[in-house]
Amino acid sequence: MIAIITADIINSRKLVNQEIWISPLKKLLASYGTTPKNWEIFRGDYFQIEIEDPKEALLVSLKIKALIKSIITSETPKKSTSIDVRMAIGLGTKEYAASKISESNGTAFIHSGEKFEKLKKEKISLAIQSSFTDFDYEMNLYLKLAVIQMDSWTVNSAALFNTLFEDPEKKQAEIGAILGIEQNSVSGRFKRAHVDEILELDKMYRFKLKKIIH
């Protein structure tokens, strides 16, 4: 089993400078393989990435979400454009490996593509589809609730997650030094961003998935 994430950047076409999100996104995606075999950005603001270990798929999605939400799109707040990302995680097989991920296929690709097409109608920015109906139902319920919080992340909240994802063992004092804020401010951001709950969701995903693939 592998995971395929199919995604697009919300409101990206309102931006004059597309590089403001493309460059950091490419850097993050490149840490999981090479383009266009393992990941690819296409049609302007759509992209796909293959995650070899499906247990890592939700964490990768959270990293992408935090990265995009942390981008300051304008130095003038009144003229800024809020961008976000919409992602569908497909779990399944890879039955044909092409030189481009967009030309590969298998059930993981089918599940990801099918779920992605439903995201706008379902008005949700992150969901999962696999061959395990009960697993999908439970995880998508958790994600639907979590996304209510994640969609409202401020730039500061997203930046906090970015820093945390770089090294989960960082102490709050270290995070504060990186972000240029006091430790008590870090604690406040942790609570407002619901850091513990989001990380607990990733643990739950790994636990539930491990039970059905072993």
N, C-alpha and C. Protein backbone atom coordinates (compact mmCIF):
# COMPACT_ATOMS: atom_id res chain seq x y z
N MET A 1 0.83 -1.20 0.00
CA MET A 1 0.00 0.00 0.00
C MET A 1 0.86 1.25 0.00
N ILE A 2 0.43 2.24 -0.79
CA ILE A 2 1.07 3.55 -0.81
C ILE A 2 -0.02 4.61 -0.60
N ALA A 3 0.39 5.86 -0.55
CA ALA A 3 -0.57 6.96 -0.47
C ALA A 3 -0.28 7.96 -1.58
N ILE A 4 -1.33 8.46 -2.18
CA ILE A 4 -1.23 9.52 -3.18
C ILE A 4 -2.03 10.72 -2.68
N ILE A 5 -1.40 11.87 -2.64
CA ILE A 5 -2.09 13.09 -2.28
C ILE A 5 -2.31 13.91 -3.54
N THR A 6 -3.56 14.19 -3.85
CA THR A 6 -3.92 15.06 -4.97
C THR A 6 -4.44 16.36 -4.38
N ALA A 7 -3.95 17.49 -4.88
CA ALA A 7 -4.27 18.75 -4.22
C ALA A 7 -4.27 19.94 -5.17
N ASP A 8 -4.85 21.03 -4.69
CA ASP A 8 -4.73 22.30 -5.39
C ASP A 8 -4.66 23.42 -4.36
N ILE A 9 -4.12 24.56 -4.82
CA ILE A 9 -3.96 25.72 -3.95
C ILE A 9 -5.18 26.63 -4.12
N ILE A 10 -5.87 26.87 -3.03
CA ILE A 10 -7.08 27.70 -3.04
C ILE A 10 -6.71 29.17 -3.11
N ASN A 11 -7.29 29.88 -4.05
CA ASN A 11 -7.11 31.33 -4.26
C ASN A 11 -5.76 31.69 -4.86
N SER A 12 -5.00 30.71 -5.34
CA SER A 12 -3.67 31.02 -5.87
C SER A 12 -3.73 31.93 -7.09
N ARG A 13 -4.79 31.81 -7.87
CA ARG A 13 -4.86 32.58 -9.12
C ARG A 13 -5.15 34.05 -8.89
N LYS A 14 -5.43 34.40 -7.65
CA LYS A 14 -5.61 35.81 -7.30
C LYS A 14 -4.26 36.48 -7.02
N LEU A 15 -3.21 35.67 -6.93
CA LEU A 15 -1.88 36.21 -6.61
C LEU A 15 -1.16 36.65 -7.88
N VAL A 16 -0.46 37.76 -7.79
CA VAL A 16 0.37 38.23 -8.90
C VAL A 16 1.66 37.41 -8.93
N ASN A 17 2.23 37.17 -7.76
CA ASN A 17 3.49 36.44 -7.64
C ASN A 17 3.23 34.99 -7.24
N GLN A 18 3.23 34.08 -8.22
CA GLN A 18 2.98 32.66 -7.95
C GLN A 18 4.16 31.99 -7.24
N GLU A 19 5.34 32.53 -7.44
CA GLU A 19 6.54 31.93 -6.84
C GLU A 19 6.50 31.97 -5.32
N ILE A 20 5.66 32.83 -4.77
CA ILE A 20 5.60 32.98 -3.32
C ILE A 20 5.17 31.69 -2.64
N TRP A 21 4.40 30.85 -3.35
CA TRP A 21 4.02 29.55 -2.79
C TRP A 21 4.68 28.38 -3.52
N ILE A 22 4.99 28.56 -4.80
CA ILE A 22 5.56 27.46 -5.58
C ILE A 22 6.94 27.06 -5.07
N SER A 23 7.80 28.03 -4.83
CA SER A 23 9.17 27.72 -4.39
C SER A 23 9.21 26.97 -3.06
N PRO A 24 8.54 27.45 -2.00
CA PRO A 24 8.57 26.69 -0.74
C PRO A 24 7.89 25.34 -0.85
N LEU A 25 6.83 25.25 -1.67
CA LEU A 25 6.15 23.96 -1.83
C LEU A 25 7.06 22.97 -2.54
N LYS A 26 7.76 23.41 -3.56
CA LYS A 26 8.70 22.52 -4.26
C LYS A 26 9.76 22.00 -3.31
N LYS A 27 10.26 22.87 -2.44
CA LYS A 27 11.29 22.48 -1.48
C LYS A 27 10.77 21.39 -0.55
N LEU A 28 9.53 21.55 -0.08
CA LEU A 28 8.94 20.54 0.81
C LEU A 28 8.71 19.23 0.07
N LEU A 29 8.12 19.30 -1.11
CA LEU A 29 7.83 18.09 -1.87
C LEU A 29 9.11 17.35 -2.25
N ALA A 30 10.17 18.10 -2.52
CA ALA A 30 11.44 17.49 -2.92
C ALA A 30 12.05 16.65 -1.80
N SER A 31 11.63 16.89 -0.57
CA SER A 31 12.15 16.08 0.54
C SER A 31 11.54 14.68 0.55
N TYR A 32 10.55 14.45 -0.32
CA TYR A 32 9.91 13.13 -0.40
C TYR A 32 10.17 12.42 -1.73
N GLY A 33 11.07 12.97 -2.54
CA GLY A 33 11.39 12.31 -3.80
C GLY A 33 11.69 13.32 -4.90
N THR A 34 11.76 12.81 -6.12
CA THR A 34 12.11 13.65 -7.27
C THR A 34 10.89 13.91 -8.15
N THR A 35 10.95 15.02 -8.85
CA THR A 35 9.90 15.35 -9.80
C THR A 35 10.38 15.03 -11.22
N PRO A 36 9.54 14.52 -12.09
CA PRO A 36 8.09 14.32 -11.94
C PRO A 36 7.68 12.90 -11.51
N LYS A 37 8.66 12.07 -11.16
CA LYS A 37 8.34 10.68 -10.82
C LYS A 37 7.56 10.56 -9.52
N ASN A 38 8.02 11.24 -8.47
CA ASN A 38 7.39 11.11 -7.15
C ASN A 38 6.42 12.24 -6.81
N TRP A 39 6.58 13.38 -7.46
CA TRP A 39 5.66 14.50 -7.26
C TRP A 39 5.71 15.40 -8.48
N GLU A 40 4.64 16.15 -8.64
CA GLU A 40 4.53 16.99 -9.83
C GLU A 40 3.53 18.10 -9.59
N ILE A 41 3.89 19.32 -10.01
CA ILE A 41 2.97 20.46 -10.00
C ILE A 41 2.53 20.68 -11.44
N PHE A 42 1.22 20.75 -11.65
CA PHE A 42 0.72 20.86 -13.02
C PHE A 42 -0.53 21.72 -13.06
N ARG A 43 -0.92 22.11 -14.27
CA ARG A 43 -2.11 22.95 -14.48
C ARG A 43 -2.09 24.19 -13.59
N GLY A 44 -0.92 24.70 -13.34
CA GLY A 44 -0.79 25.95 -12.59
C GLY A 44 -0.75 25.79 -11.09
N ASP A 45 -1.84 25.28 -10.51
CA ASP A 45 -1.88 25.22 -9.05
C ASP A 45 -2.35 23.87 -8.51
N TYR A 46 -2.26 22.84 -9.34
CA TYR A 46 -2.57 21.48 -8.89
C TYR A 46 -1.26 20.72 -8.67
N PHE A 47 -1.27 19.77 -7.75
CA PHE A 47 -0.08 18.94 -7.58
C PHE A 47 -0.45 17.57 -7.02
N GLN A 48 0.46 16.62 -7.24
CA GLN A 48 0.32 15.27 -6.71
C GLN A 48 1.65 14.85 -6.11
N ILE A 49 1.57 14.05 -5.05
CA ILE A 49 2.78 13.50 -4.45
C ILE A 49 2.50 12.09 -3.98
N GLU A 50 3.47 11.22 -4.20
CA GLU A 50 3.38 9.84 -3.73
C GLU A 50 4.12 9.70 -2.40
N ILE A 51 3.46 9.09 -1.43
CA ILE A 51 4.08 8.83 -0.14
C ILE A 51 4.24 7.32 -0.01
N GLU A 52 5.47 6.86 0.01
CA GLU A 52 5.75 5.42 0.01
C GLU A 52 5.18 4.72 1.23
N ASP A 53 5.31 5.35 2.39
CA ASP A 53 4.74 4.80 3.62
C ASP A 53 3.41 5.48 3.89
N PRO A 54 2.29 4.77 3.71
CA PRO A 54 0.97 5.41 3.88
C PRO A 54 0.73 5.96 5.27
N LYS A 55 1.45 5.44 6.27
CA LYS A 55 1.26 5.95 7.64
C LYS A 55 1.77 7.38 7.77
N GLU A 56 2.60 7.83 6.83
CA GLU A 56 3.13 9.19 6.86
C GLU A 56 2.25 10.19 6.13
N ALA A 57 1.21 9.70 5.45
CA ALA A 57 0.44 10.56 4.54
C ALA A 57 -0.25 11.72 5.24
N LEU A 58 -0.84 11.47 6.39
CA LEU A 58 -1.53 12.57 7.08
C LEU A 58 -0.55 13.61 7.57
N LEU A 59 0.58 13.18 8.10
CA LEU A 59 1.59 14.12 8.57
C LEU A 59 2.10 14.98 7.42
N VAL A 60 2.32 14.37 6.26
CA VAL A 60 2.76 15.14 5.09
C VAL A 60 1.70 16.17 4.72
N SER A 61 0.44 15.76 4.78
CA SER A 61 -0.65 16.69 4.47
C SER A 61 -0.68 17.86 5.46
N LEU A 62 -0.45 17.57 6.72
CA LEU A 62 -0.41 18.63 7.74
C LEU A 62 0.76 19.58 7.49
N LYS A 63 1.89 19.03 7.08
CA LYS A 63 3.05 19.87 6.77
C LYS A 63 2.75 20.80 5.60
N ILE A 64 2.10 20.26 4.58
CA ILE A 64 1.74 21.07 3.40
C ILE A 64 0.76 22.16 3.81
N LYS A 65 -0.23 21.78 4.61
CA LYS A 65 -1.24 22.75 5.09
C LYS A 65 -0.57 23.89 5.86
N ALA A 66 0.30 23.53 6.79
CA ALA A 66 0.98 24.54 7.60
C ALA A 66 1.85 25.44 6.73
N LEU A 67 2.55 24.85 5.77
CA LEU A 67 3.42 25.64 4.90
C LEU A 67 2.61 26.68 4.12
N ILE A 68 1.56 26.23 3.47
CA ILE A 68 0.77 27.14 2.64
C ILE A 68 0.09 28.21 3.48
N LYS A 69 -0.44 27.83 4.65
CA LYS A 69 -1.12 28.80 5.51
C LYS A 69 -0.16 29.80 6.15
N SER A 70 1.13 29.46 6.19
CA SER A 70 2.11 30.35 6.82
C SER A 70 2.66 31.39 5.85
N ILE A 71 2.32 31.27 4.58
CA ILE A 71 2.86 32.19 3.58
C ILE A 71 2.18 33.55 3.66
N ILE A 72 2.98 34.58 3.79
CA ILE A 72 2.47 35.95 3.79
C ILE A 72 2.41 36.40 2.34
N THR A 73 1.21 36.61 1.84
CA THR A 73 1.05 36.87 0.40
C THR A 73 1.23 38.34 0.03
N SER A 74 1.25 39.22 1.02
CA SER A 74 1.43 40.64 0.74
C SER A 74 1.94 41.36 1.97
N GLU A 75 2.76 42.36 1.75
CA GLU A 75 3.24 43.16 2.87
C GLU A 75 2.18 44.18 3.31
N THR A 76 1.14 44.29 2.52
CA THR A 76 0.05 45.20 2.86
C THR A 76 -1.17 44.36 3.24
N PRO A 77 -1.45 44.20 4.53
CA PRO A 77 -2.53 43.32 4.98
C PRO A 77 -3.88 43.56 4.29
N LYS A 78 -4.21 44.83 4.02
CA LYS A 78 -5.50 45.14 3.41
C LYS A 78 -5.60 44.58 1.98
N LYS A 79 -4.47 44.33 1.36
CA LYS A 79 -4.47 43.83 -0.01
C LYS A 79 -4.01 42.38 -0.10
N SER A 80 -3.87 41.74 1.04
CA SER A 80 -3.37 40.38 1.04
C SER A 80 -4.45 39.40 0.58
N THR A 81 -4.01 38.29 0.01
CA THR A 81 -4.91 37.22 -0.43
C THR A 81 -4.65 36.00 0.43
N SER A 82 -5.68 35.49 1.02
CA SER A 82 -5.54 34.31 1.88
C SER A 82 -5.55 33.05 1.02
N ILE A 83 -4.44 32.32 1.02
CA ILE A 83 -4.39 31.08 0.25
C ILE A 83 -4.43 29.88 1.20
N ASP A 84 -4.91 28.78 0.66
CA ASP A 84 -5.04 27.56 1.45
C ASP A 84 -4.80 26.40 0.49
N VAL A 85 -4.94 25.19 0.99
CA VAL A 85 -4.73 24.02 0.14
C VAL A 85 -5.84 23.01 0.38
N ARG A 86 -6.27 22.38 -0.71
CA ARG A 86 -7.31 21.35 -0.65
C ARG A 86 -6.64 20.03 -1.03
N MET A 87 -6.78 18.99 -0.18
CA MET A 87 -6.04 17.74 -0.41
C MET A 87 -6.90 16.51 -0.21
N ALA A 88 -6.70 15.53 -1.09
CA ALA A 88 -7.35 14.23 -0.96
C ALA A 88 -6.27 13.16 -0.86
N ILE A 89 -6.30 12.40 0.22
CA ILE A 89 -5.35 11.31 0.42
C ILE A 89 -5.98 10.02 -0.08
N GLY A 90 -5.34 9.39 -1.05
CA GLY A 90 -5.81 8.11 -1.56
C GLY A 90 -4.89 7.00 -1.11
N LEU A 91 -5.45 5.97 -0.50
CA LEU A 91 -4.66 4.83 -0.05
C LEU A 91 -4.97 3.63 -0.94
N GLY A 92 -3.93 2.91 -1.33
CA GLY A 92 -4.14 1.76 -2.19
C GLY A 92 -2.85 1.29 -2.84
N THR A 93 -2.99 0.67 -4.00
CA THR A 93 -1.84 0.10 -4.68
C THR A 93 -1.32 1.00 -5.80
N LYS A 94 -0.11 0.71 -6.21
CA LYS A 94 0.47 1.35 -7.40
C LYS A 94 0.75 0.21 -8.38
N GLU A 95 -0.04 0.17 -9.44
CA GLU A 95 0.04 -0.96 -10.36
C GLU A 95 0.86 -0.67 -11.61
N TYR A 96 1.06 0.61 -11.89
CA TYR A 96 1.90 1.00 -13.03
C TYR A 96 2.71 2.22 -12.66
N ALA A 97 4.02 2.11 -12.73
CA ALA A 97 4.91 3.22 -12.40
C ALA A 97 5.46 3.84 -13.67
N ALA A 98 5.00 5.04 -13.99
CA ALA A 98 5.47 5.76 -15.17
C ALA A 98 6.59 6.73 -14.77
N SER A 99 7.17 7.37 -15.75
CA SER A 99 8.23 8.34 -15.46
C SER A 99 7.66 9.61 -14.82
N LYS A 100 6.34 9.82 -14.99
CA LYS A 100 5.65 10.94 -14.36
C LYS A 100 4.56 10.41 -13.46
N ILE A 101 4.43 10.97 -12.28
CA ILE A 101 3.41 10.52 -11.34
C ILE A 101 2.01 10.69 -11.94
N SER A 102 1.82 11.71 -12.76
CA SER A 102 0.51 11.96 -13.37
C SER A 102 0.13 10.91 -14.39
N GLU A 103 1.10 10.08 -14.79
CA GLU A 103 0.82 9.02 -15.76
C GLU A 103 0.84 7.63 -15.11
N SER A 104 1.16 7.55 -13.82
CA SER A 104 1.13 6.28 -13.10
C SER A 104 -0.31 5.97 -12.71
N ASN A 105 -0.56 4.71 -12.34
CA ASN A 105 -1.92 4.40 -11.92
C ASN A 105 -1.96 3.24 -10.93
N GLY A 106 -3.13 3.01 -10.40
CA GLY A 106 -3.36 2.00 -9.38
C GLY A 106 -4.50 2.48 -8.50
N THR A 107 -4.92 1.68 -7.54
CA THR A 107 -6.07 2.06 -6.72
C THR A 107 -5.80 3.30 -5.87
N ALA A 108 -4.55 3.51 -5.46
CA ALA A 108 -4.24 4.71 -4.67
C ALA A 108 -4.51 5.98 -5.48
N PHE A 109 -4.16 5.94 -6.76
CA PHE A 109 -4.39 7.09 -7.65
C PHE A 109 -5.88 7.29 -7.89
N ILE A 110 -6.60 6.19 -8.09
CA ILE A 110 -8.05 6.26 -8.32
C ILE A 110 -8.76 6.83 -7.10
N HIS A 111 -8.41 6.31 -5.91
CA HIS A 111 -9.05 6.79 -4.69
C HIS A 111 -8.77 8.27 -4.45
N SER A 112 -7.53 8.67 -4.67
CA SER A 112 -7.16 10.07 -4.45
C SER A 112 -7.89 10.99 -5.42
N GLY A 113 -7.92 10.59 -6.70
CA GLY A 113 -8.60 11.40 -7.71
C GLY A 113 -10.09 11.51 -7.48
N GLU A 114 -10.71 10.37 -7.14
CA GLU A 114 -12.15 10.37 -6.89
C GLU A 114 -12.52 11.26 -5.70
N LYS A 115 -11.74 11.14 -4.63
CA LYS A 115 -12.04 11.95 -3.44
C LYS A 115 -11.79 13.42 -3.70
N PHE A 116 -10.74 13.72 -4.44
CA PHE A 116 -10.42 15.11 -4.74
C PHE A 116 -11.57 15.79 -5.50
N GLU A 117 -12.17 15.07 -6.42
CA GLU A 117 -13.27 15.63 -7.21
C GLU A 117 -14.49 15.94 -6.34
N LYS A 118 -14.59 15.31 -5.18
CA LYS A 118 -15.75 15.51 -4.30
C LYS A 118 -15.52 16.60 -3.24
N LEU A 119 -14.27 17.04 -3.08
CA LEU A 119 -13.96 17.94 -1.97
C LEU A 119 -14.72 19.26 -2.02
N LYS A 120 -14.81 19.86 -3.20
CA LYS A 120 -15.51 21.15 -3.31
C LYS A 120 -16.98 21.00 -2.94
N LYS A 121 -17.61 19.93 -3.44
CA LYS A 121 -19.02 19.70 -3.16
C LYS A 121 -19.23 19.43 -1.67
N GLU A 122 -18.28 18.70 -1.06
CA GLU A 122 -18.39 18.38 0.36
C GLU A 122 -17.96 19.54 1.25
N LYS A 123 -17.40 20.58 0.63
CA LYS A 123 -16.94 21.78 1.33
C LYS A 123 -15.98 21.44 2.46
N ILE A 124 -14.98 20.65 2.11
CA ILE A 124 -13.94 20.27 3.07
C ILE A 124 -12.60 20.31 2.36
N SER A 125 -11.54 20.61 3.10
CA SER A 125 -10.24 20.79 2.46
C SER A 125 -9.28 19.62 2.66
N LEU A 126 -9.69 18.60 3.40
CA LEU A 126 -8.81 17.45 3.61
C LEU A 126 -9.66 16.21 3.91
N ALA A 127 -9.45 15.15 3.12
CA ALA A 127 -10.21 13.92 3.32
C ALA A 127 -9.42 12.73 2.79
N ILE A 128 -9.89 11.54 3.14
CA ILE A 128 -9.21 10.29 2.81
C ILE A 128 -10.16 9.34 2.09
N GLN A 129 -9.61 8.56 1.16
CA GLN A 129 -10.40 7.48 0.56
C GLN A 129 -9.51 6.26 0.38
N SER A 130 -10.05 5.11 0.75
CA SER A 130 -9.34 3.84 0.60
C SER A 130 -10.36 2.76 0.26
N SER A 131 -9.95 1.51 0.36
CA SER A 131 -10.87 0.39 0.14
C SER A 131 -11.55 -0.03 1.45
N PHE A 132 -11.22 0.65 2.54
CA PHE A 132 -11.74 0.30 3.86
C PHE A 132 -12.80 1.31 4.28
N THR A 133 -14.04 0.98 4.04
CA THR A 133 -15.15 1.91 4.23
C THR A 133 -15.27 2.42 5.67
N ASP A 134 -15.17 1.51 6.62
CA ASP A 134 -15.30 1.92 8.03
C ASP A 134 -14.16 2.85 8.44
N PHE A 135 -12.96 2.54 7.99
CA PHE A 135 -11.79 3.38 8.28
C PHE A 135 -12.00 4.77 7.69
N ASP A 136 -12.44 4.83 6.44
CA ASP A 136 -12.67 6.12 5.78
C ASP A 136 -13.71 6.94 6.53
N TYR A 137 -14.81 6.29 6.91
CA TYR A 137 -15.88 7.01 7.59
C TYR A 137 -15.38 7.63 8.90
N GLU A 138 -14.68 6.83 9.68
CA GLU A 138 -14.20 7.31 10.98
C GLU A 138 -13.17 8.41 10.83
N MET A 139 -12.16 8.19 9.97
CA MET A 139 -11.10 9.18 9.81
C MET A 139 -11.62 10.47 9.20
N ASN A 140 -12.55 10.36 8.26
CA ASN A 140 -13.08 11.57 7.63
C ASN A 140 -13.94 12.38 8.59
N LEU A 141 -14.55 11.71 9.55
CA LEU A 141 -15.28 12.44 10.58
C LEU A 141 -14.31 13.23 11.44
N TYR A 142 -13.20 12.59 11.85
CA TYR A 142 -12.18 13.28 12.63
C TYR A 142 -11.60 14.46 11.84
N LEU A 143 -11.32 14.21 10.57
CA LEU A 143 -10.72 15.26 9.74
C LEU A 143 -11.67 16.42 9.53
N LYS A 144 -12.95 16.12 9.37
CA LYS A 144 -13.93 17.19 9.17
C LYS A 144 -13.93 18.14 10.37
N LEU A 145 -13.83 17.58 11.56
CA LEU A 145 -13.78 18.40 12.76
C LEU A 145 -12.46 19.16 12.87
N ALA A 146 -11.36 18.47 12.56
CA ALA A 146 -10.04 19.10 12.65
C ALA A 146 -9.87 20.23 11.65
N VAL A 147 -10.43 20.05 10.47
CA VAL A 147 -10.29 21.05 9.42
C VAL A 147 -10.98 22.36 9.79
N ILE A 148 -12.02 22.29 10.60
CA ILE A 148 -12.66 23.52 11.07
C ILE A 148 -11.63 24.41 11.76
N GLN A 149 -10.75 23.79 12.53
CA GLN A 149 -9.69 24.53 13.20
C GLN A 149 -8.57 24.90 12.24
N MET A 150 -8.12 23.92 11.44
CA MET A 150 -6.96 24.15 10.57
C MET A 150 -7.22 25.19 9.49
N ASP A 151 -8.44 25.23 8.97
CA ASP A 151 -8.76 26.23 7.94
C ASP A 151 -8.69 27.65 8.49
N SER A 152 -8.84 27.79 9.81
CA SER A 152 -8.80 29.11 10.42
C SER A 152 -7.44 29.45 11.02
N TRP A 153 -6.44 28.60 10.79
CA TRP A 153 -5.09 28.93 11.26
C TRP A 153 -4.68 30.30 10.75
N THR A 154 -4.13 31.11 11.62
CA THR A 154 -3.50 32.35 11.20
C THR A 154 -2.10 32.04 10.67
N VAL A 155 -1.48 33.04 10.10
CA VAL A 155 -0.09 32.88 9.64
C VAL A 155 0.79 32.47 10.82
N ASN A 156 0.55 33.08 11.98
CA ASN A 156 1.35 32.77 13.16
C ASN A 156 1.15 31.32 13.62
N SER A 157 -0.10 30.85 13.60
CA SER A 157 -0.37 29.47 14.01
C SER A 157 0.29 28.49 13.06
N ALA A 158 0.18 28.77 11.76
CA ALA A 158 0.79 27.89 10.76
C ALA A 158 2.31 27.88 10.89
N ALA A 159 2.89 29.06 11.15
CA ALA A 159 4.34 29.15 11.33
C ALA A 159 4.79 28.33 12.53
N LEU A 160 3.96 28.31 13.58
CA LEU A 160 4.25 27.51 14.76
C LEU A 160 4.33 26.03 14.39
N PHE A 161 3.36 25.56 13.61
CA PHE A 161 3.37 24.16 13.18
C PHE A 161 4.58 23.87 12.29
N ASN A 162 4.92 24.79 11.41
CA ASN A 162 6.09 24.61 10.55
C ASN A 162 7.34 24.36 11.39
N THR A 163 7.52 25.19 12.40
CA THR A 163 8.68 25.07 13.28
C THR A 163 8.66 23.76 14.04
N LEU A 164 7.49 23.38 14.51
CA LEU A 164 7.34 22.14 15.27
C LEU A 164 7.61 20.91 14.40
N PHE A 165 7.14 20.94 13.15
CA PHE A 165 7.33 19.81 12.26
C PHE A 165 8.79 19.59 11.90
N GLU A 166 9.58 20.67 11.91
CA GLU A 166 11.00 20.54 11.61
C GLU A 166 11.71 19.71 12.66
N ASP A 167 11.27 19.79 13.90
CA ASP A 167 11.84 19.01 14.99
C ASP A 167 10.82 18.91 16.11
N PRO A 168 10.04 17.82 16.14
CA PRO A 168 8.99 17.65 17.15
C PRO A 168 9.49 17.66 18.59
N GLU A 169 10.81 17.47 18.78
CA GLU A 169 11.37 17.43 20.13
C GLU A 169 11.74 18.81 20.66
N LYS A 170 11.57 19.85 19.86
CA LYS A 170 11.90 21.20 20.31
C LYS A 170 11.09 21.59 21.54
N LYS A 171 11.77 22.25 22.46
CA LYS A 171 11.10 22.80 23.63
C LYS A 171 10.44 24.12 23.25
N GLN A 172 9.46 24.55 24.04
CA GLN A 172 8.76 25.79 23.73
C GLN A 172 9.70 26.99 23.74
N ALA A 173 10.70 26.95 24.61
CA ALA A 173 11.66 28.06 24.65
C ALA A 173 12.45 28.14 23.35
N GLU A 174 12.80 26.97 22.78
CA GLU A 174 13.54 26.93 21.52
C GLU A 174 12.66 27.42 20.37
N ILE A 175 11.40 27.02 20.40
CA ILE A 175 10.47 27.46 19.37
C ILE A 175 10.30 28.98 19.43
N GLY A 176 10.20 29.49 20.66
CA GLY A 176 10.07 30.93 20.84
C GLY A 176 11.26 31.68 20.29
N ALA A 177 12.47 31.14 20.50
CA ALA A 177 13.68 31.78 19.99
C ALA A 177 13.67 31.84 18.47
N ILE A 178 13.19 30.77 17.85
CA ILE A 178 13.14 30.73 16.38
C ILE A 178 12.10 31.71 15.85
N LEU A 179 10.95 31.78 16.52
CA LEU A 179 9.87 32.66 16.06
C LEU A 179 10.02 34.09 16.54
N GLY A 180 10.97 34.30 17.46
CA GLY A 180 11.20 35.65 17.97
C GLY A 180 10.14 36.12 18.94
N ILE A 181 9.61 35.18 19.74
CA ILE A 181 8.58 35.53 20.73
C ILE A 181 8.92 34.90 22.08
N GLU A 182 8.28 35.38 23.14
CA GLU A 182 8.52 34.85 24.47
C GLU A 182 7.88 33.47 24.63
N GLN A 183 8.39 32.69 25.60
CA GLN A 183 7.88 31.34 25.81
C GLN A 183 6.39 31.34 26.16
N ASN A 184 5.95 32.31 26.96
CA ASN A 184 4.52 32.34 27.31
C ASN A 184 3.65 32.61 26.09
N SER A 185 4.19 33.32 25.12
CA SER A 185 3.47 33.56 23.87
C SER A 185 3.38 32.28 23.05
N VAL A 186 4.44 31.46 23.11
CA VAL A 186 4.43 30.16 22.42
C VAL A 186 3.33 29.29 23.01
N SER A 187 3.24 29.28 24.33
CA SER A 187 2.22 28.49 25.01
C SER A 187 0.82 28.91 24.58
N GLY A 188 0.62 30.21 24.45
CA GLY A 188 -0.67 30.72 24.01
C GLY A 188 -0.99 30.29 22.59
N ARG A 189 0.02 30.34 21.73
CA ARG A 189 -0.19 29.92 20.34
C ARG A 189 -0.51 28.42 20.26
N PHE A 190 0.16 27.62 21.10
CA PHE A 190 -0.10 26.18 21.14
C PHE A 190 -1.59 25.93 21.41
N LYS A 191 -2.13 26.65 22.38
CA LYS A 191 -3.52 26.44 22.76
C LYS A 191 -4.48 26.91 21.67
N ARG A 192 -4.18 28.09 21.10
CA ARG A 192 -5.08 28.64 20.07
C ARG A 192 -5.08 27.80 18.81
N ALA A 193 -3.93 27.21 18.49
CA ALA A 193 -3.82 26.39 17.28
C ALA A 193 -4.21 24.94 17.51
N HIS A 194 -4.49 24.59 18.78
CA HIS A 194 -4.85 23.22 19.15
C HIS A 194 -3.79 22.22 18.68
N VAL A 195 -2.55 22.54 18.99
CA VAL A 195 -1.42 21.71 18.57
C VAL A 195 -1.54 20.27 19.07
N ASP A 196 -1.81 20.10 20.35
CA ASP A 196 -1.86 18.75 20.93
C ASP A 196 -2.93 17.90 20.26
N GLU A 197 -4.09 18.51 20.00
CA GLU A 197 -5.19 17.76 19.38
C GLU A 197 -4.87 17.36 17.94
N ILE A 198 -4.22 18.26 17.20
CA ILE A 198 -3.86 17.95 15.81
C ILE A 198 -2.83 16.83 15.75
N LEU A 199 -1.85 16.88 16.64
CA LEU A 199 -0.83 15.83 16.67
C LEU A 199 -1.43 14.51 17.14
N GLU A 200 -2.41 14.57 18.03
CA GLU A 200 -3.09 13.36 18.48
C GLU A 200 -3.88 12.72 17.33
N LEU A 201 -4.40 13.55 16.44
CA LEU A 201 -5.11 13.04 15.27
C LEU A 201 -4.17 12.23 14.38
N ASP A 202 -2.96 12.72 14.21
CA ASP A 202 -1.98 11.98 13.41
C ASP A 202 -1.67 10.63 14.05
N LYS A 203 -1.55 10.60 15.36
CA LYS A 203 -1.30 9.33 16.07
C LYS A 203 -2.46 8.37 15.89
N MET A 204 -3.68 8.90 15.95
CA MET A 204 -4.87 8.06 15.77
C MET A 204 -4.91 7.47 14.36
N TYR A 205 -4.59 8.31 13.37
CA TYR A 205 -4.54 7.84 11.98
C TYR A 205 -3.56 6.68 11.83
N ARG A 206 -2.37 6.84 12.38
CA ARG A 206 -1.35 5.80 12.29
C ARG A 206 -1.81 4.51 12.97
N PHE A 207 -2.44 4.66 14.13
CA PHE A 207 -2.92 3.51 14.89
C PHE A 207 -4.00 2.76 14.12
N LYS A 208 -4.97 3.50 13.60
CA LYS A 208 -6.08 2.88 12.87
C LYS A 208 -5.59 2.21 11.58
N LEU A 209 -4.68 2.88 10.88
CA LEU A 209 -4.19 2.34 9.61
C LEU A 209 -3.35 1.09 9.83
N LYS A 210 -2.53 1.12 10.88
CA LYS A 210 -1.68 -0.05 11.19
C LYS A 210 -2.52 -1.28 11.44
N LYS A 211 -3.68 -1.12 12.05
CA LYS A 211 -4.55 -2.24 12.36
C LYS A 211 -5.12 -2.90 11.11
N ILE A 212 -5.31 -2.14 10.04
CA ILE A 212 -5.93 -2.71 8.86
C ILE A 212 -4.94 -3.12 7.76
N ILE A 213 -3.69 -2.73 7.89
CA ILE A 213 -2.74 -3.12 6.84
C ILE A 213 -1.75 -4.18 7.33
N HIS A 214 -1.88 -4.63 8.56
CA HIS A 214 -0.99 -5.68 9.09
C HIS A 214 -1.81 -6.87 9.54
